[in-house]
Amino acid sequence: MTAPSQISEEEYRAQVQALIEKISAYIEHFHGGSVEMVSLEGDVLKVRLGGACLGCPLSPSTLHGWVEGTVRQFFPELNVQDVA
């Protein structure tokens, strides 16, 4: 899916990027990990976990619970994928 018709593709991408940065700031502050946006193509948002998330047995919960859950609250059309 593309950006909603009310905003440009660039603005849509910027909004998604800003949300990922906020999620990452939370993860960094409380858990020492991070998340970065790798790409946004259609309805697929690819992200990469880093920092303390690397090798952590709870990283799938972080990815699906925090990252994907939060993204879907604001952008329900997006599917989040990890590109570890």
N, C-alpha and C. Protein backbone atom coordinates (compact mmCIF):
# COMPACT_ATOMS: atom_id res chain seq x y z
N MET A 1 0.84 -1.18 0.00
CA MET A 1 0.00 0.00 0.00
C MET A 1 0.88 1.24 0.00
N THR A 2 0.42 2.23 -0.65
CA THR A 2 1.17 3.48 -0.69
C THR A 2 0.64 4.44 0.36
N ALA A 3 1.25 5.58 0.42
CA ALA A 3 0.87 6.60 1.40
C ALA A 3 -0.59 6.99 1.19
N PRO A 4 -1.27 7.35 2.28
CA PRO A 4 -2.64 7.86 2.13
C PRO A 4 -2.65 9.05 1.17
N SER A 5 -3.74 9.22 0.46
CA SER A 5 -3.79 10.24 -0.59
C SER A 5 -3.63 11.66 -0.07
N GLN A 6 -3.83 11.89 1.23
CA GLN A 6 -3.73 13.23 1.77
C GLN A 6 -2.29 13.72 1.90
N ILE A 7 -1.32 12.82 1.91
CA ILE A 7 0.07 13.22 2.10
C ILE A 7 0.95 12.61 1.00
N SER A 8 2.10 13.20 0.80
CA SER A 8 3.03 12.71 -0.22
C SER A 8 3.77 11.48 0.29
N GLU A 9 4.36 10.75 -0.63
CA GLU A 9 5.18 9.58 -0.28
C GLU A 9 6.31 9.99 0.66
N GLU A 10 6.92 11.15 0.39
CA GLU A 10 8.04 11.62 1.21
C GLU A 10 7.59 11.91 2.64
N GLU A 11 6.44 12.55 2.79
CA GLU A 11 5.92 12.86 4.12
C GLU A 11 5.54 11.58 4.86
N TYR A 12 4.94 10.64 4.15
CA TYR A 12 4.57 9.35 4.74
C TYR A 12 5.82 8.63 5.26
N ARG A 13 6.86 8.58 4.44
CA ARG A 13 8.12 7.93 4.82
C ARG A 13 8.71 8.65 6.04
N ALA A 14 8.65 9.95 6.06
CA ALA A 14 9.19 10.73 7.17
C ALA A 14 8.41 10.44 8.46
N GLN A 15 7.10 10.28 8.36
CA GLN A 15 6.29 9.96 9.54
C GLN A 15 6.64 8.57 10.08
N VAL A 16 6.81 7.60 9.19
CA VAL A 16 7.18 6.25 9.61
C VAL A 16 8.58 6.29 10.25
N GLN A 17 9.51 6.98 9.62
CA GLN A 17 10.88 7.10 10.14
C GLN A 17 10.86 7.73 11.53
N ALA A 18 10.07 8.79 11.71
CA ALA A 18 9.99 9.46 13.01
C ALA A 18 9.46 8.52 14.09
N LEU A 19 8.48 7.71 13.75
CA LEU A 19 7.95 6.74 14.72
C LEU A 19 9.01 5.71 15.09
N ILE A 20 9.73 5.19 14.11
CA ILE A 20 10.79 4.22 14.38
C ILE A 20 11.86 4.85 15.28
N GLU A 21 12.20 6.10 15.05
CA GLU A 21 13.19 6.77 15.89
C GLU A 21 12.70 6.90 17.33
N LYS A 22 11.42 7.17 17.52
CA LYS A 22 10.86 7.27 18.87
C LYS A 22 10.87 5.91 19.56
N ILE A 23 10.50 4.87 18.83
CA ILE A 23 10.54 3.51 19.40
C ILE A 23 11.98 3.17 19.78
N SER A 24 12.92 3.49 18.90
CA SER A 24 14.32 3.18 19.16
C SER A 24 14.82 3.92 20.39
N ALA A 25 14.44 5.18 20.54
CA ALA A 25 14.87 5.96 21.71
C ALA A 25 14.38 5.30 23.00
N TYR A 26 13.16 4.79 22.99
CA TYR A 26 12.62 4.10 24.16
C TYR A 26 13.42 2.83 24.44
N ILE A 27 13.64 2.03 23.40
CA ILE A 27 14.37 0.77 23.56
C ILE A 27 15.79 1.05 24.04
N GLU A 28 16.44 2.06 23.48
CA GLU A 28 17.80 2.41 23.89
C GLU A 28 17.85 2.85 25.35
N HIS A 29 16.90 3.68 25.74
CA HIS A 29 16.90 4.22 27.10
C HIS A 29 16.66 3.14 28.16
N PHE A 30 15.70 2.27 27.91
CA PHE A 30 15.31 1.31 28.93
C PHE A 30 15.98 -0.06 28.81
N HIS A 31 16.50 -0.39 27.62
CA HIS A 31 17.01 -1.75 27.42
C HIS A 31 18.37 -1.82 26.74
N GLY A 32 18.88 -0.71 26.27
CA GLY A 32 20.20 -0.72 25.63
C GLY A 32 20.20 -1.23 24.21
N GLY A 33 19.03 -1.46 23.65
CA GLY A 33 18.93 -1.92 22.27
C GLY A 33 18.57 -0.78 21.34
N SER A 34 18.31 -1.12 20.10
CA SER A 34 17.91 -0.11 19.12
C SER A 34 17.14 -0.76 17.99
N VAL A 35 16.47 0.07 17.23
CA VAL A 35 15.80 -0.38 16.00
C VAL A 35 16.01 0.71 14.96
N GLU A 36 16.29 0.31 13.73
CA GLU A 36 16.45 1.28 12.65
C GLU A 36 15.61 0.86 11.46
N MET A 37 15.12 1.85 10.74
CA MET A 37 14.35 1.60 9.53
C MET A 37 15.34 1.35 8.40
N VAL A 38 15.22 0.19 7.76
CA VAL A 38 16.09 -0.16 6.64
C VAL A 38 15.46 0.26 5.33
N SER A 39 14.17 -0.05 5.15
CA SER A 39 13.48 0.34 3.92
C SER A 39 11.98 0.32 4.13
N LEU A 40 11.31 1.03 3.26
CA LEU A 40 9.85 1.05 3.22
C LEU A 40 9.46 0.93 1.76
N GLU A 41 8.94 -0.24 1.41
CA GLU A 41 8.57 -0.52 0.02
C GLU A 41 7.15 -1.03 0.01
N GLY A 42 6.26 -0.23 -0.55
CA GLY A 42 4.85 -0.60 -0.55
C GLY A 42 4.34 -0.69 0.87
N ASP A 43 3.80 -1.87 1.24
CA ASP A 43 3.29 -2.04 2.60
C ASP A 43 4.26 -2.83 3.47
N VAL A 44 5.52 -2.94 3.07
CA VAL A 44 6.53 -3.69 3.84
C VAL A 44 7.56 -2.72 4.41
N LEU A 45 7.62 -2.70 5.73
CA LEU A 45 8.61 -1.90 6.46
C LEU A 45 9.67 -2.86 6.98
N LYS A 46 10.89 -2.69 6.52
CA LYS A 46 11.99 -3.54 6.97
C LYS A 46 12.79 -2.78 8.02
N VAL A 47 13.02 -3.45 9.15
CA VAL A 47 13.76 -2.85 10.25
C VAL A 47 14.88 -3.77 10.69
N ARG A 48 15.83 -3.21 11.43
CA ARG A 48 16.95 -3.98 11.96
C ARG A 48 17.09 -3.65 13.44
N LEU A 49 17.11 -4.68 14.27
CA LEU A 49 17.37 -4.50 15.69
C LEU A 49 18.87 -4.47 15.91
N GLY A 50 19.32 -3.69 16.90
CA GLY A 50 20.74 -3.59 17.19
C GLY A 50 20.99 -3.44 18.67
N GLY A 51 22.23 -3.15 19.00
CA GLY A 51 22.61 -2.96 20.40
C GLY A 51 22.38 -4.22 21.22
N ALA A 52 21.81 -4.05 22.39
CA ALA A 52 21.56 -5.17 23.29
C ALA A 52 20.55 -6.17 22.74
N CYS A 53 19.82 -5.78 21.70
CA CYS A 53 18.85 -6.70 21.09
C CYS A 53 19.54 -7.83 20.33
N LEU A 54 20.76 -7.59 19.87
CA LEU A 54 21.49 -8.61 19.11
C LEU A 54 21.78 -9.80 20.01
N GLY A 55 21.31 -10.94 19.61
CA GLY A 55 21.55 -12.16 20.36
C GLY A 55 20.66 -12.33 21.58
N CYS A 56 19.80 -11.37 21.86
CA CYS A 56 18.92 -11.46 23.02
C CYS A 56 17.78 -12.44 22.71
N PRO A 57 17.49 -13.37 23.63
CA PRO A 57 16.41 -14.32 23.37
C PRO A 57 15.02 -13.67 23.33
N LEU A 58 14.91 -12.44 23.82
CA LEU A 58 13.63 -11.75 23.80
C LEU A 58 13.46 -10.81 22.60
N SER A 59 14.43 -10.81 21.69
CA SER A 59 14.34 -9.90 20.54
C SER A 59 13.10 -10.15 19.68
N PRO A 60 12.63 -11.40 19.51
CA PRO A 60 11.38 -11.57 18.76
C PRO A 60 10.19 -10.86 19.44
N SER A 61 10.18 -10.86 20.76
CA SER A 61 9.12 -10.15 21.48
C SER A 61 9.24 -8.65 21.28
N THR A 62 10.47 -8.15 21.28
CA THR A 62 10.69 -6.73 21.03
C THR A 62 10.23 -6.36 19.63
N LEU A 63 10.60 -7.18 18.66
CA LEU A 63 10.24 -6.91 17.28
C LEU A 63 8.72 -6.93 17.09
N HIS A 64 8.09 -8.00 17.52
CA HIS A 64 6.66 -8.16 17.25
C HIS A 64 5.79 -7.41 18.25
N GLY A 65 6.20 -7.36 19.49
CA GLY A 65 5.40 -6.69 20.50
C GLY A 65 5.53 -5.19 20.44
N TRP A 66 6.73 -4.69 20.61
CA TRP A 66 6.93 -3.24 20.66
C TRP A 66 6.97 -2.60 19.29
N VAL A 67 7.85 -3.08 18.45
CA VAL A 67 8.05 -2.42 17.16
C VAL A 67 6.83 -2.60 16.27
N GLU A 68 6.51 -3.85 15.95
CA GLU A 68 5.39 -4.10 15.04
C GLU A 68 4.07 -3.63 15.65
N GLY A 69 3.87 -3.89 16.93
CA GLY A 69 2.63 -3.48 17.59
C GLY A 69 2.43 -1.98 17.54
N THR A 70 3.48 -1.23 17.83
CA THR A 70 3.37 0.23 17.81
C THR A 70 3.19 0.76 16.40
N VAL A 71 3.96 0.23 15.46
CA VAL A 71 3.83 0.67 14.06
C VAL A 71 2.41 0.44 13.57
N ARG A 72 1.84 -0.71 13.89
CA ARG A 72 0.50 -1.04 13.38
C ARG A 72 -0.59 -0.19 14.02
N GLN A 73 -0.32 0.36 15.20
CA GLN A 73 -1.29 1.27 15.80
C GLN A 73 -1.43 2.54 14.97
N PHE A 74 -0.33 3.01 14.41
CA PHE A 74 -0.33 4.25 13.65
C PHE A 74 -0.41 4.02 12.14
N PHE A 75 0.11 2.90 11.68
CA PHE A 75 0.13 2.57 10.25
C PHE A 75 -0.33 1.12 10.08
N PRO A 76 -1.64 0.86 10.23
CA PRO A 76 -2.14 -0.52 10.21
C PRO A 76 -1.92 -1.25 8.89
N GLU A 77 -1.64 -0.52 7.83
CA GLU A 77 -1.42 -1.13 6.53
C GLU A 77 -0.03 -1.72 6.38
N LEU A 78 0.90 -1.41 7.31
CA LEU A 78 2.28 -1.85 7.17
C LEU A 78 2.52 -3.22 7.79
N ASN A 79 3.35 -4.00 7.13
CA ASN A 79 3.84 -5.27 7.64
C ASN A 79 5.31 -5.08 7.98
N VAL A 80 5.67 -5.39 9.22
CA VAL A 80 7.04 -5.17 9.69
C VAL A 80 7.84 -6.46 9.54
N GLN A 81 9.03 -6.34 8.95
CA GLN A 81 9.93 -7.48 8.79
C GLN A 81 11.30 -7.12 9.35
N ASP A 82 11.92 -8.08 10.02
CA ASP A 82 13.28 -7.91 10.52
C ASP A 82 14.26 -8.37 9.45
N VAL A 83 15.30 -7.59 9.22
CA VAL A 83 16.30 -7.96 8.22
C VAL A 83 17.63 -8.31 8.87
N ALA A 84 17.54 -8.84 10.08
CA ALA A 84 18.73 -9.22 10.84
C ALA A 84 19.82 -9.57 9.90
